[in-house]
Amino acid sequence: MSVAQTKQAASSGRVSTSKLKRLANPTELLLAILIPGTAYLLWWLGKKWYTDEWYTPENGLGYWLGIIGGSMMLLAYLYSARKYLKALKFSGVLKKWLNFHIYLGVFGPYLIILHSGFKLESANATWAFYAMIAVMLSGVTGRFLYSHIHLGLSGHKVRFREVQKLFSDEEGSNRTLLASIPGMEDRLAYFEKHVLRRPTGLLSAVSNLIFIGSAGRAFYREVRRNLPQVLLPVARQRNWTRDQFRQAERQIERMLREYINAMTTVARFNIYDQLFNSWRLVHVPLLFLLLVSGIIHVWYVHMYSTS
């Protein structure tokens, strides 16, 4: 892609390679592990060291930890209201609301874990607690998937055709040269069809995501293994020296790696997009479950304490 084409792509709204790299930010995987890991560590340390002499969930510090944590999670629902209610458009940019939603959805549960006294003594508390954990894990999963189809947490959603167009522009010459090698065209077409096919369901998407890298490596090894015998007739026809043969072999290997990386990147984006759409179908009911169980828990606690 030339400089002029790059500028034209940017002006027309298509993504660039440098921006696309943000879709595979390794920090997001670390956060996806660190956030629930911290919650588990809090619970484990509390079970090991906490005593009622510090505080109790019903009074003082423990009570206010619950009030503040519950309020934070309740305020997190404002993101959904801001997103779907046109009357709230005046209240700020949606991107900032998303960051606010994530922040509250992480630290609110941490405070509730501390509030619980690291034990669940009633059915309503148990339901509310596990609903909160389910929403928290779901939110972490959603954030991870979101980061792979948006240009950062505050960026616009990238469309599949944008990613596909970007790599077809930048790796198209590699594919053309590879396809000119005898017997390569059918292999490339089969590999593209295999990795770019749309997953048929959630399990299919997860399976493809796990094994797509190994599929690319297997394809590379197969082509690499047969490359010398494919190139040998060409070398004889053109009277290549041994060094020229090795140089051509290395060049083709490099193009093949770039091509496979491009195709697997496009395929992963396609899978993450489908997983995110499936995730939304799960996350929304969990939010309602948490809201209902939280209200019941608060109502029951205050009714019981005043009786």
C-alpha atoms as a PDB file:
ATOM      1  CA  MET A   1       0.000   0.000   0.000  1.00  0.00           C
ATOM      2  CA  SER A   2       1.483   3.311  -1.070  1.00  0.00           C
ATOM      3  CA  VAL A   3       1.598   6.462   1.020  1.00  0.00           C
ATOM      4  CA  ALA A   4      -1.166   7.977  -1.098  1.00  0.00           C
ATOM      5  CA  GLN A   5      -3.323   4.860  -0.650  1.00  0.00           C
ATOM      6  CA  THR A   6      -2.700   4.907   3.083  1.00  0.00           C
ATOM      7  CA  LYS A   7      -3.853   8.528   3.346  1.00  0.00           C
ATOM      8  CA  GLN A   8      -6.875   7.767   1.200  1.00  0.00           C
ATOM      9  CA  ALA A   9      -7.753   4.767   3.400  1.00  0.00           C
ATOM     10  CA  ALA A  10      -7.442   6.879   6.538  1.00  0.00           C
ATOM     11  CA  SER A  11      -9.627   9.617   5.106  1.00  0.00           C
ATOM     12  CA  SER A  12     -12.298   7.093   4.100  1.00  0.00           C
ATOM     13  CA  GLY A  13     -12.471   5.608   7.596  1.00  0.00           C
ATOM     14  CA  ARG A  14     -10.505   2.394   7.068  1.00  0.00           C
ATOM     15  CA  VAL A  15      -8.052   1.273   9.710  1.00  0.00           C
ATOM     16  CA  SER A  16      -4.269   1.254   9.360  1.00  0.00           C
ATOM     17  CA  THR A  17      -1.863  -1.529  10.299  1.00  0.00           C
ATOM     18  CA  SER A  18      -0.478   0.425  13.266  1.00  0.00           C
ATOM     19  CA  LYS A  19      -3.986   0.938  14.640  1.00  0.00           C
ATOM     20  CA  LEU A  20      -4.932  -2.652  13.938  1.00  0.00           C
ATOM     21  CA  LYS A  21      -2.128  -3.839  16.204  1.00  0.00           C
ATOM     22  CA  ARG A  22      -4.063  -2.289  19.098  1.00  0.00           C
ATOM     23  CA  LEU A  23      -6.715  -4.984  18.554  1.00  0.00           C
ATOM     24  CA  ALA A  24      -4.219  -7.560  19.838  1.00  0.00           C
ATOM     25  CA  ASN A  25      -3.019  -5.642  22.886  1.00  0.00           C
ATOM     26  CA  PRO A  26      -1.442  -8.202  25.283  1.00  0.00           C
ATOM     27  CA  THR A  27      -2.292  -5.910  28.218  1.00  0.00           C
ATOM     28  CA  GLU A  28      -5.953  -6.867  27.859  1.00  0.00           C
ATOM     29  CA  LEU A  29      -5.165 -10.547  28.428  1.00  0.00           C
ATOM     30  CA  LEU A  30      -3.185  -9.622  31.529  1.00  0.00           C
ATOM     31  CA  LEU A  31      -6.101  -7.552  32.858  1.00  0.00           C
ATOM     32  CA  ALA A  32      -8.547 -10.358  32.072  1.00  0.00           C
ATOM     33  CA  ILE A  33      -6.501 -12.560  34.402  1.00  0.00           C
ATOM     34  CA  LEU A  34      -5.562  -9.916  36.971  1.00  0.00           C
ATOM     35  CA  ILE A  35      -9.046  -8.524  37.694  1.00  0.00           C
ATOM     36  CA  PRO A  36     -10.765 -11.801  38.711  1.00  0.00           C
ATOM     37  CA  GLY A  37      -7.467 -13.022  40.174  1.00  0.00           C
ATOM     38  CA  THR A  38      -7.430 -10.058  42.560  1.00  0.00           C
ATOM     39  CA  ALA A  39     -11.027 -10.805  43.590  1.00  0.00           C
ATOM     40  CA  TYR A  40     -10.109 -14.428  44.310  1.00  0.00           C
ATOM     41  CA  LEU A  41      -7.027 -13.326  46.267  1.00  0.00           C
ATOM     42  CA  LEU A  42      -9.142 -10.977  48.403  1.00  0.00           C
ATOM     43  CA  TRP A  43     -11.561 -13.803  49.180  1.00  0.00           C
ATOM     44  CA  TRP A  44      -8.747 -16.288  49.939  1.00  0.00           C
ATOM     45  CA  LEU A  45      -6.903 -13.876  52.230  1.00  0.00           C
ATOM     46  CA  GLY A  46     -10.149 -12.944  53.973  1.00  0.00           C
ATOM     47  CA  LYS A  47     -11.083 -16.582  54.581  1.00  0.00           C
ATOM     48  CA  LYS A  48      -7.636 -17.128  56.052  1.00  0.00           C
ATOM     49  CA  TRP A  49      -7.153 -14.032  58.213  1.00  0.00           C
ATOM     50  CA  TYR A  50     -10.457 -12.196  58.733  1.00  0.00           C
ATOM     51  CA  THR A  51     -12.164 -12.178  62.144  1.00  0.00           C
ATOM     52  CA  ASP A  52     -15.347 -10.482  63.338  1.00  0.00           C
ATOM     53  CA  GLU A  53     -13.211  -8.309  65.589  1.00  0.00           C
ATOM     54  CA  TRP A  54     -12.259  -6.214  62.550  1.00  0.00           C
ATOM     55  CA  TYR A  55     -15.804  -5.405  61.449  1.00  0.00           C
ATOM     56  CA  THR A  56     -19.123  -7.102  60.656  1.00  0.00           C
ATOM     57  CA  PRO A  57     -21.211  -6.805  57.478  1.00  0.00           C
ATOM     58  CA  GLU A  58     -24.199  -5.464  59.427  1.00  0.00           C
ATOM     59  CA  ASN A  59     -22.557  -2.540  61.231  1.00  0.00           C
ATOM     60  CA  GLY A  60     -19.964   0.199  60.953  1.00  0.00           C
ATOM     61  CA  LEU A  61     -17.220  -0.226  58.367  1.00  0.00           C
ATOM     62  CA  GLY A  62     -18.610  -3.472  56.973  1.00  0.00           C
ATOM     63  CA  TYR A  63     -22.043  -1.914  56.442  1.00  0.00           C
ATOM     64  CA  TRP A  64     -20.630   1.107  54.621  1.00  0.00           C
ATOM     65  CA  LEU A  65     -18.420  -1.082  52.449  1.00  0.00           C
ATOM     66  CA  GLY A  66     -21.632  -2.741  51.292  1.00  0.00           C
ATOM     67  CA  ILE A  67     -23.431   0.549  50.740  1.00  0.00           C
ATOM     68  CA  ILE A  68     -20.569   2.068  48.731  1.00  0.00           C
ATOM     69  CA  GLY A  69     -19.862  -1.112  46.743  1.00  0.00           C
ATOM     70  CA  GLY A  70     -23.544  -1.662  45.982  1.00  0.00           C
ATOM     71  CA  SER A  71     -23.974   1.976  44.967  1.00  0.00           C
ATOM     72  CA  MET A  72     -21.001   1.713  42.614  1.00  0.00           C
ATOM     73  CA  MET A  73     -22.494  -1.305  40.891  1.00  0.00           C
ATOM     74  CA  LEU A  74     -25.881   0.400  40.708  1.00  0.00           C
ATOM     75  CA  LEU A  75     -24.296   3.477  39.129  1.00  0.00           C
ATOM     76  CA  ALA A  76     -22.637   1.197  36.570  1.00  0.00           C
ATOM     77  CA  TYR A  77     -26.136   0.600  35.131  1.00  0.00           C
ATOM     78  CA  LEU A  78     -26.190   4.242  34.041  1.00  0.00           C
ATOM     79  CA  TYR A  79     -23.960   3.271  31.104  1.00  0.00           C
ATOM     80  CA  SER A  80     -26.763   1.115  29.700  1.00  0.00           C
ATOM     81  CA  ALA A  81     -29.246   3.911  30.267  1.00  0.00           C
ATOM     82  CA  ARG A  82     -26.942   6.417  28.551  1.00  0.00           C
ATOM     83  CA  LYS A  83     -26.426   4.013  25.667  1.00  0.00           C
ATOM     84  CA  TYR A  84     -30.062   3.279  24.873  1.00  0.00           C
ATOM     85  CA  LEU A  85     -32.021   6.317  26.079  1.00  0.00           C
ATOM     86  CA  LYS A  86     -31.885   9.252  23.671  1.00  0.00           C
ATOM     87  CA  ALA A  87     -32.997  11.609  26.440  1.00  0.00           C
ATOM     88  CA  LEU A  88     -29.612  11.112  28.152  1.00  0.00           C
ATOM     89  CA  LYS A  89     -27.431  12.046  25.191  1.00  0.00           C
ATOM     90  CA  PHE A  90     -26.749  15.399  26.814  1.00  0.00           C
ATOM     91  CA  SER A  91     -24.963  13.662  29.726  1.00  0.00           C
ATOM     92  CA  GLY A  92     -21.601  13.158  28.024  1.00  0.00           C
ATOM     93  CA  VAL A  93     -19.657  11.098  25.509  1.00  0.00           C
ATOM     94  CA  LEU A  94     -20.507   7.389  25.473  1.00  0.00           C
ATOM     95  CA  LYS A  95     -16.813   6.430  25.459  1.00  0.00           C
ATOM     96  CA  LYS A  96     -16.277   8.088  28.845  1.00  0.00           C
ATOM     97  CA  TRP A  97     -19.373   6.396  30.202  1.00  0.00           C
ATOM     98  CA  LEU A  98     -17.928   3.021  29.163  1.00  0.00           C
ATOM     99  CA  ASN A  99     -14.705   3.664  31.085  1.00  0.00           C
ATOM    100  CA  PHE A 100     -16.817   4.772  34.069  1.00  0.00           C
ATOM    101  CA  HIS A 101     -18.904   1.592  33.773  1.00  0.00           C
ATOM    102  CA  ILE A 102     -15.806  -0.636  33.735  1.00  0.00           C
ATOM    103  CA  TYR A 103     -14.231   1.131  36.696  1.00  0.00           C
ATOM    104  CA  LEU A 104     -17.376   0.769  38.834  1.00  0.00           C
ATOM    105  CA  GLY A 105     -17.890  -2.808  37.687  1.00  0.00           C
ATOM    106  CA  VAL A 106     -14.429  -3.768  38.953  1.00  0.00           C
ATOM    107  CA  PHE A 107     -14.064  -1.897  42.242  1.00  0.00           C
ATOM    108  CA  GLY A 108     -17.679  -2.272  43.336  1.00  0.00           C
ATOM    109  CA  PRO A 109     -17.382  -6.081  43.625  1.00  0.00           C
ATOM    110  CA  TYR A 110     -14.052  -5.729  45.446  1.00  0.00           C
ATOM    111  CA  LEU A 111     -15.802  -3.676  48.145  1.00  0.00           C
ATOM    112  CA  ILE A 112     -18.690  -6.152  48.310  1.00  0.00           C
ATOM    113  CA  ILE A 113     -16.221  -9.004  48.859  1.00  0.00           C
ATOM    114  CA  LEU A 114     -14.776  -7.065  51.778  1.00  0.00           C
ATOM    115  CA  HIS A 115     -18.294  -6.233  53.011  1.00  0.00           C
ATOM    116  CA  SER A 116     -19.332  -9.909  53.036  1.00  0.00           C
ATOM    117  CA  GLY A 117     -16.981 -10.801  55.859  1.00  0.00           C
ATOM    118  CA  PHE A 118     -15.808 -13.622  53.554  1.00  0.00           C
ATOM    119  CA  LYS A 119     -18.759 -15.836  54.379  1.00  0.00           C
ATOM    120  CA  LEU A 120     -22.263 -16.322  53.002  1.00  0.00           C
ATOM    121  CA  GLU A 121     -24.770 -16.966  55.780  1.00  0.00           C
ATOM    122  CA  SER A 122     -28.137 -16.643  54.013  1.00  0.00           C
ATOM    123  CA  ALA A 123     -29.725 -17.754  50.751  1.00  0.00           C
ATOM    124  CA  ASN A 124     -30.393 -14.201  49.534  1.00  0.00           C
ATOM    125  CA  ALA A 125     -26.793 -13.145  50.251  1.00  0.00           C
ATOM    126  CA  THR A 126     -25.506 -16.230  48.440  1.00  0.00           C
ATOM    127  CA  TRP A 127     -27.648 -15.554  45.353  1.00  0.00           C
ATOM    128  CA  ALA A 128     -26.639 -11.882  45.257  1.00  0.00           C
ATOM    129  CA  PHE A 129     -22.959 -12.695  45.743  1.00  0.00           C
ATOM    130  CA  TYR A 130     -22.770 -15.314  43.017  1.00  0.00           C
ATOM    131  CA  ALA A 131     -24.799 -13.145  40.653  1.00  0.00           C
ATOM    132  CA  MET A 132     -22.260 -10.372  41.278  1.00  0.00           C
ATOM    133  CA  ILE A 133     -19.330 -12.731  40.568  1.00  0.00           C
ATOM    134  CA  ALA A 134     -21.028 -13.969  37.392  1.00  0.00           C
ATOM    135  CA  VAL A 135     -21.532 -10.396  36.153  1.00  0.00           C
ATOM    136  CA  MET A 136     -17.964  -9.482  37.057  1.00  0.00           C
ATOM    137  CA  LEU A 137     -16.525 -12.455  35.140  1.00  0.00           C
ATOM    138  CA  SER A 138     -18.868 -11.725  32.259  1.00  0.00           C
ATOM    139  CA  GLY A 139     -17.773  -8.082  32.239  1.00  0.00           C
ATOM    140  CA  VAL A 140     -14.095  -9.029  32.193  1.00  0.00           C
ATOM    141  CA  THR A 141     -14.783 -11.388  29.294  1.00  0.00           C
ATOM    142  CA  GLY A 142     -16.698  -8.681  27.461  1.00  0.00           C
ATOM    143  CA  ARG A 143     -13.910  -6.157  27.959  1.00  0.00           C
ATOM    144  CA  PHE A 144     -11.387  -8.642  26.534  1.00  0.00           C
ATOM    145  CA  LEU A 145     -13.543  -9.401  23.483  1.00  0.00           C
ATOM    146  CA  TYR A 146     -14.390  -5.700  23.027  1.00  0.00           C
ATOM    147  CA  SER A 147     -10.701  -4.798  22.906  1.00  0.00           C
ATOM    148  CA  HIS A 148     -10.194  -7.185  19.967  1.00  0.00           C
ATOM    149  CA  ILE A 149     -12.834  -5.615  17.737  1.00  0.00           C
ATOM    150  CA  HIS A 150     -12.501  -1.945  18.736  1.00  0.00           C
ATOM    151  CA  LEU A 151      -9.559   0.426  18.456  1.00  0.00           C
ATOM    152  CA  GLY A 152      -9.054   0.601  22.206  1.00  0.00           C
ATOM    153  CA  LEU A 153     -11.781   0.907  24.839  1.00  0.00           C
ATOM    154  CA  SER A 154     -12.570   4.405  23.559  1.00  0.00           C
ATOM    155  CA  GLY A 155     -12.252   3.632  19.859  1.00  0.00           C
ATOM    156  CA  HIS A 156     -14.762   2.867  17.116  1.00  0.00           C
ATOM    157  CA  LYS A 157     -15.740  -0.668  16.176  1.00  0.00           C
ATOM    158  CA  VAL A 158     -13.721  -2.077  13.309  1.00  0.00           C
ATOM    159  CA  ARG A 159     -15.714  -3.851  10.611  1.00  0.00           C
ATOM    160  CA  PHE A 160     -14.693  -7.221   9.260  1.00  0.00           C
ATOM    161  CA  ARG A 161     -14.512  -5.914   5.722  1.00  0.00           C
ATOM    162  CA  GLU A 162     -12.082  -3.185   6.875  1.00  0.00           C
ATOM    163  CA  VAL A 163      -9.680  -5.761   8.279  1.00  0.00           C
ATOM    164  CA  GLN A 164     -10.088  -8.004   5.251  1.00  0.00           C
ATOM    165  CA  LYS A 165      -9.528  -5.085   2.853  1.00  0.00           C
ATOM    166  CA  LEU A 166      -6.466  -3.902   4.753  1.00  0.00           C
ATOM    167  CA  PHE A 167      -4.721  -7.239   4.534  1.00  0.00           C
ATOM    168  CA  SER A 168      -5.816  -7.923   0.984  1.00  0.00           C
ATOM    169  CA  ASP A 169      -4.178  -4.602   0.046  1.00  0.00           C
ATOM    170  CA  GLU A 170      -0.952  -5.206   1.956  1.00  0.00           C
ATOM    171  CA  GLU A 171      -0.535  -8.958   1.438  1.00  0.00           C
ATOM    172  CA  GLY A 172      -2.160  -9.234  -1.990  1.00  0.00           C
ATOM    173  CA  SER A 173       1.192  -9.125  -3.778  1.00  0.00           C
ATOM    174  CA  ASN A 174       2.525 -11.925  -1.581  1.00  0.00           C
ATOM    175  CA  ARG A 175      -0.457 -14.087  -2.395  1.00  0.00           C
ATOM    176  CA  THR A 176      -0.123 -13.373  -6.097  1.00  0.00           C
ATOM    177  CA  LEU A 177       3.540 -14.395  -6.087  1.00  0.00           C
ATOM    178  CA  LEU A 178       2.866 -17.468  -3.987  1.00  0.00           C
ATOM    179  CA  ALA A 179      -0.003 -18.500  -6.274  1.00  0.00           C
ATOM    180  CA  SER A 180       2.352 -18.357  -9.272  1.00  0.00           C
ATOM    181  CA  ILE A 181       4.283 -21.298  -7.831  1.00  0.00           C
ATOM    182  CA  PRO A 182       3.057 -24.573  -9.397  1.00  0.00           C
ATOM    183  CA  GLY A 183       0.453 -26.326  -7.253  1.00  0.00           C
ATOM    184  CA  MET A 184       0.230 -23.472  -4.707  1.00  0.00           C
ATOM    185  CA  GLU A 185      -3.022 -21.835  -5.811  1.00  0.00           C
ATOM    186  CA  ASP A 186      -5.252 -24.680  -4.636  1.00  0.00           C
ATOM    187  CA  ARG A 187      -3.434 -24.877  -1.279  1.00  0.00           C
ATOM    188  CA  LEU A 188      -3.842 -21.151  -0.655  1.00  0.00           C
ATOM    189  CA  ALA A 189      -7.530 -21.283  -1.595  1.00  0.00           C
ATOM    190  CA  TYR A 190      -8.123 -24.228   0.743  1.00  0.00           C
ATOM    191  CA  PHE A 191      -6.312 -22.527   3.619  1.00  0.00           C
ATOM    192  CA  GLU A 192      -8.272 -19.279   3.169  1.00  0.00           C
ATOM    193  CA  LYS A 193     -11.568 -21.161   3.028  1.00  0.00           C
ATOM    194  CA  HIS A 194     -10.638 -23.136   6.135  1.00  0.00           C
ATOM    195  CA  VAL A 195      -9.554 -20.225   8.376  1.00  0.00           C
ATOM    196  CA  LEU A 196     -12.011 -17.583   7.161  1.00  0.00           C
ATOM    197  CA  ARG A 197     -15.156 -19.675   7.405  1.00  0.00           C
ATOM    198  CA  ARG A 198     -17.770 -18.258   9.755  1.00  0.00           C
ATOM    199  CA  PRO A 199     -18.114 -20.273  12.988  1.00  0.00           C
ATOM    200  CA  THR A 200     -21.472 -22.064  13.224  1.00  0.00           C
ATOM    201  CA  GLY A 201     -21.882 -21.535  16.959  1.00  0.00           C
ATOM    202  CA  LEU A 202     -20.233 -20.617  20.231  1.00  0.00           C
ATOM    203  CA  LEU A 203     -18.330 -23.895  20.632  1.00  0.00           C
ATOM    204  CA  SER A 204     -17.221 -23.735  17.017  1.00  0.00           C
ATOM    205  CA  ALA A 205     -15.945 -20.176  17.500  1.00  0.00           C
ATOM    206  CA  VAL A 206     -13.995 -21.059  20.653  1.00  0.00           C
ATOM    207  CA  SER A 207     -12.542 -24.157  18.971  1.00  0.00           C
ATOM    208  CA  ASN A 208     -11.484 -22.166  15.920  1.00  0.00           C
ATOM    209  CA  LEU A 209      -9.893 -19.493  18.109  1.00  0.00           C
ATOM    210  CA  ILE A 210      -7.862 -22.103  19.979  1.00  0.00           C
ATOM    211  CA  PHE A 211      -6.698 -24.077  16.959  1.00  0.00           C
ATOM    212  CA  ILE A 212      -6.349 -21.416  14.278  1.00  0.00           C
ATOM    213  CA  GLY A 213      -2.710 -20.789  15.156  1.00  0.00           C
ATOM    214  CA  SER A 214      -1.850 -24.482  14.929  1.00  0.00           C
ATOM    215  CA  ALA A 215      -3.697 -24.669  11.593  1.00  0.00           C
ATOM    216  CA  GLY A 216      -1.477 -21.873  10.246  1.00  0.00           C
ATOM    217  CA  ARG A 217       1.685 -23.572  11.520  1.00  0.00           C
ATOM    218  CA  ALA A 218       0.615 -26.904  10.037  1.00  0.00           C
ATOM    219  CA  PHE A 219      -0.038 -25.259   6.667  1.00  0.00           C
ATOM    220  CA  TYR A 220       3.364 -23.562   6.774  1.00  0.00           C
ATOM    221  CA  ARG A 221       5.158 -26.831   7.609  1.00  0.00           C
ATOM    222  CA  GLU A 222       3.365 -28.669   4.800  1.00  0.00           C
ATOM    223  CA  VAL A 223       4.229 -26.064   2.178  1.00  0.00           C
ATOM    224  CA  ARG A 224       7.769 -25.672   3.532  1.00  0.00           C
ATOM    225  CA  ARG A 225       8.347 -29.418   3.367  1.00  0.00           C
ATOM    226  CA  ASN A 226       7.296 -29.636  -0.301  1.00  0.00           C
ATOM    227  CA  LEU A 227       8.892 -26.364  -1.364  1.00  0.00           C
ATOM    228  CA  PRO A 228      12.293 -27.729  -2.526  1.00  0.00           C
ATOM    229  CA  GLN A 229      10.781 -30.251  -4.919  1.00  0.00           C
ATOM    230  CA  VAL A 230       8.356 -27.614  -6.249  1.00  0.00           C
ATOM    231  CA  LEU A 231      11.157 -25.110  -6.858  1.00  0.00           C
ATOM    232  CA  LEU A 232      13.604 -27.602  -8.346  1.00  0.00           C
ATOM    233  CA  PRO A 233      12.086 -27.630 -11.881  1.00  0.00           C
ATOM    234  CA  VAL A 234      12.021 -23.815 -11.877  1.00  0.00           C
ATOM    235  CA  ALA A 235      15.659 -23.710 -10.746  1.00  0.00           C
ATOM    236  CA  ARG A 236      16.730 -26.077 -13.521  1.00  0.00           C
ATOM    237  CA  GLN A 237      14.779 -24.144 -16.130  1.00  0.00           C
ATOM    238  CA  ARG A 238      16.380 -20.844 -15.074  1.00  0.00           C
ATOM    239  CA  ASN A 239      19.829 -22.270 -14.329  1.00  0.00           C
ATOM    240  CA  TRP A 240      19.882 -21.063 -10.741  1.00  0.00           C
ATOM    241  CA  THR A 241      22.969 -21.496  -8.644  1.00  0.00           C
ATOM    242  CA  ARG A 242      22.694 -23.106  -5.204  1.00  0.00           C
ATOM    243  CA  ASP A 243      22.807 -19.665  -3.585  1.00  0.00           C
ATOM    244  CA  GLN A 244      20.050 -18.368  -5.871  1.00  0.00           C
ATOM    245  CA  PHE A 245      17.948 -21.414  -5.033  1.00  0.00           C
ATOM    246  CA  ARG A 246      18.387 -20.840  -1.277  1.00  0.00           C
ATOM    247  CA  GLN A 247      17.639 -17.137  -1.654  1.00  0.00           C
ATOM    248  CA  ALA A 248      14.410 -17.844  -3.568  1.00  0.00           C
ATOM    249  CA  GLU A 249      13.450 -20.444  -0.983  1.00  0.00           C
ATOM    250  CA  ARG A 250      13.957 -18.029   1.909  1.00  0.00           C
ATOM    251  CA  GLN A 251      12.009 -15.292   0.127  1.00  0.00           C
ATOM    252  CA  ILE A 252       9.050 -17.586  -0.460  1.00  0.00           C
ATOM    253  CA  GLU A 253       9.161 -18.744   3.168  1.00  0.00           C
ATOM    254  CA  ARG A 254       9.057 -15.114   4.333  1.00  0.00           C
ATOM    255  CA  MET A 255       6.106 -14.292   2.042  1.00  0.00           C
ATOM    256  CA  LEU A 256       4.327 -17.424   3.213  1.00  0.00           C
ATOM    257  CA  ARG A 257       4.739 -16.455   6.883  1.00  0.00           C
ATOM    258  CA  GLU A 258       3.439 -12.938   6.206  1.00  0.00           C
ATOM    259  CA  TYR A 259       0.498 -14.309   4.261  1.00  0.00           C
ATOM    260  CA  ILE A 260      -0.426 -16.827   7.000  1.00  0.00           C
ATOM    261  CA  ASN A 261      -0.123 -14.145   9.694  1.00  0.00           C
ATOM    262  CA  ALA A 262      -2.427 -11.880   7.688  1.00  0.00           C
ATOM    263  CA  MET A 263      -5.044 -14.581   7.154  1.00  0.00           C
ATOM    264  CA  THR A 264      -5.029 -15.728  10.788  1.00  0.00           C
ATOM    265  CA  THR A 265      -5.349 -12.106  11.960  1.00  0.00           C
ATOM    266  CA  VAL A 266      -8.422 -11.619   9.772  1.00  0.00           C
ATOM    267  CA  ALA A 267      -9.850 -14.950  10.941  1.00  0.00           C
ATOM    268  CA  ARG A 268      -9.296 -14.144  14.633  1.00  0.00           C
ATOM    269  CA  PHE A 269     -11.045 -10.806  14.222  1.00  0.00           C
ATOM    270  CA  ASN A 270     -14.001 -12.608  12.644  1.00  0.00           C
ATOM    271  CA  ILE A 271     -14.164 -15.055  15.565  1.00  0.00           C
ATOM    272  CA  TYR A 272     -13.851 -12.367  18.250  1.00  0.00           C
ATOM    273  CA  ASP A 273     -16.651 -10.424  16.583  1.00  0.00           C
ATOM    274  CA  GLN A 274     -18.977 -13.411  16.731  1.00  0.00           C
ATOM    275  CA  LEU A 275     -17.984 -14.214  20.317  1.00  0.00           C
ATOM    276  CA  PHE A 276     -18.722 -10.618  21.344  1.00  0.00           C
ATOM    277  CA  ASN A 277     -22.180 -10.768  19.775  1.00  0.00           C
ATOM    278  CA  SER A 278     -22.858 -14.035  21.635  1.00  0.00           C
ATOM    279  CA  TRP A 279     -21.500 -12.544  24.870  1.00  0.00           C
ATOM    280  CA  ARG A 280     -24.025  -9.710  24.800  1.00  0.00           C
ATOM    281  CA  LEU A 281     -26.864 -12.242  24.800  1.00  0.00           C
ATOM    282  CA  VAL A 282     -25.532 -13.634  28.076  1.00  0.00           C
ATOM    283  CA  HIS A 283     -24.382 -10.448  29.805  1.00  0.00           C
ATOM    284  CA  VAL A 284     -27.689  -8.565  29.652  1.00  0.00           C
ATOM    285  CA  PRO A 285     -29.739 -11.271  31.466  1.00  0.00           C
ATOM    286  CA  LEU A 286     -26.978 -11.520  34.080  1.00  0.00           C
ATOM    287  CA  LEU A 287     -27.274  -7.775  34.711  1.00  0.00           C
ATOM    288  CA  PHE A 288     -31.008  -8.157  35.378  1.00  0.00           C
ATOM    289  CA  LEU A 289     -30.335 -11.139  37.646  1.00  0.00           C
ATOM    290  CA  LEU A 290     -27.815  -9.115  39.647  1.00  0.00           C
ATOM    291  CA  LEU A 291     -30.170  -6.141  39.930  1.00  0.00           C
ATOM    292  CA  VAL A 292     -33.065  -8.260  41.193  1.00  0.00           C
ATOM    293  CA  SER A 293     -30.956 -10.338  43.599  1.00  0.00           C
ATOM    294  CA  GLY A 294     -29.235  -7.215  44.920  1.00  0.00           C
ATOM    295  CA  ILE A 295     -32.546  -5.465  45.598  1.00  0.00           C
ATOM    296  CA  ILE A 296     -33.901  -8.556  47.368  1.00  0.00           C
ATOM    297  CA  HIS A 297     -30.759  -8.816  49.482  1.00  0.00           C
ATOM    298  CA  VAL A 298     -30.831  -5.155  50.551  1.00  0.00           C
ATOM    299  CA  TRP A 299     -34.569  -5.285  51.254  1.00  0.00           C
ATOM    300  CA  TYR A 300     -34.256  -8.487  53.283  1.00  0.00           C
ATOM    301  CA  VAL A 301     -31.306  -7.226  55.336  1.00  0.00           C
ATOM    302  CA  HIS A 302     -32.987  -3.958  56.269  1.00  0.00           C
ATOM    303  CA  MET A 303     -36.344  -5.590  56.922  1.00  0.00           C
ATOM    304  CA  TYR A 304     -34.725  -8.187  59.179  1.00  0.00           C
ATOM    305  CA  SER A 305     -32.582  -5.619  61.014  1.00  0.00           C
ATOM    306  CA  THR A 306     -35.599  -3.456  61.843  1.00  0.00           C
ATOM    307  CA  SER A 307     -37.878  -6.281  62.911  1.00  0.00           C
END
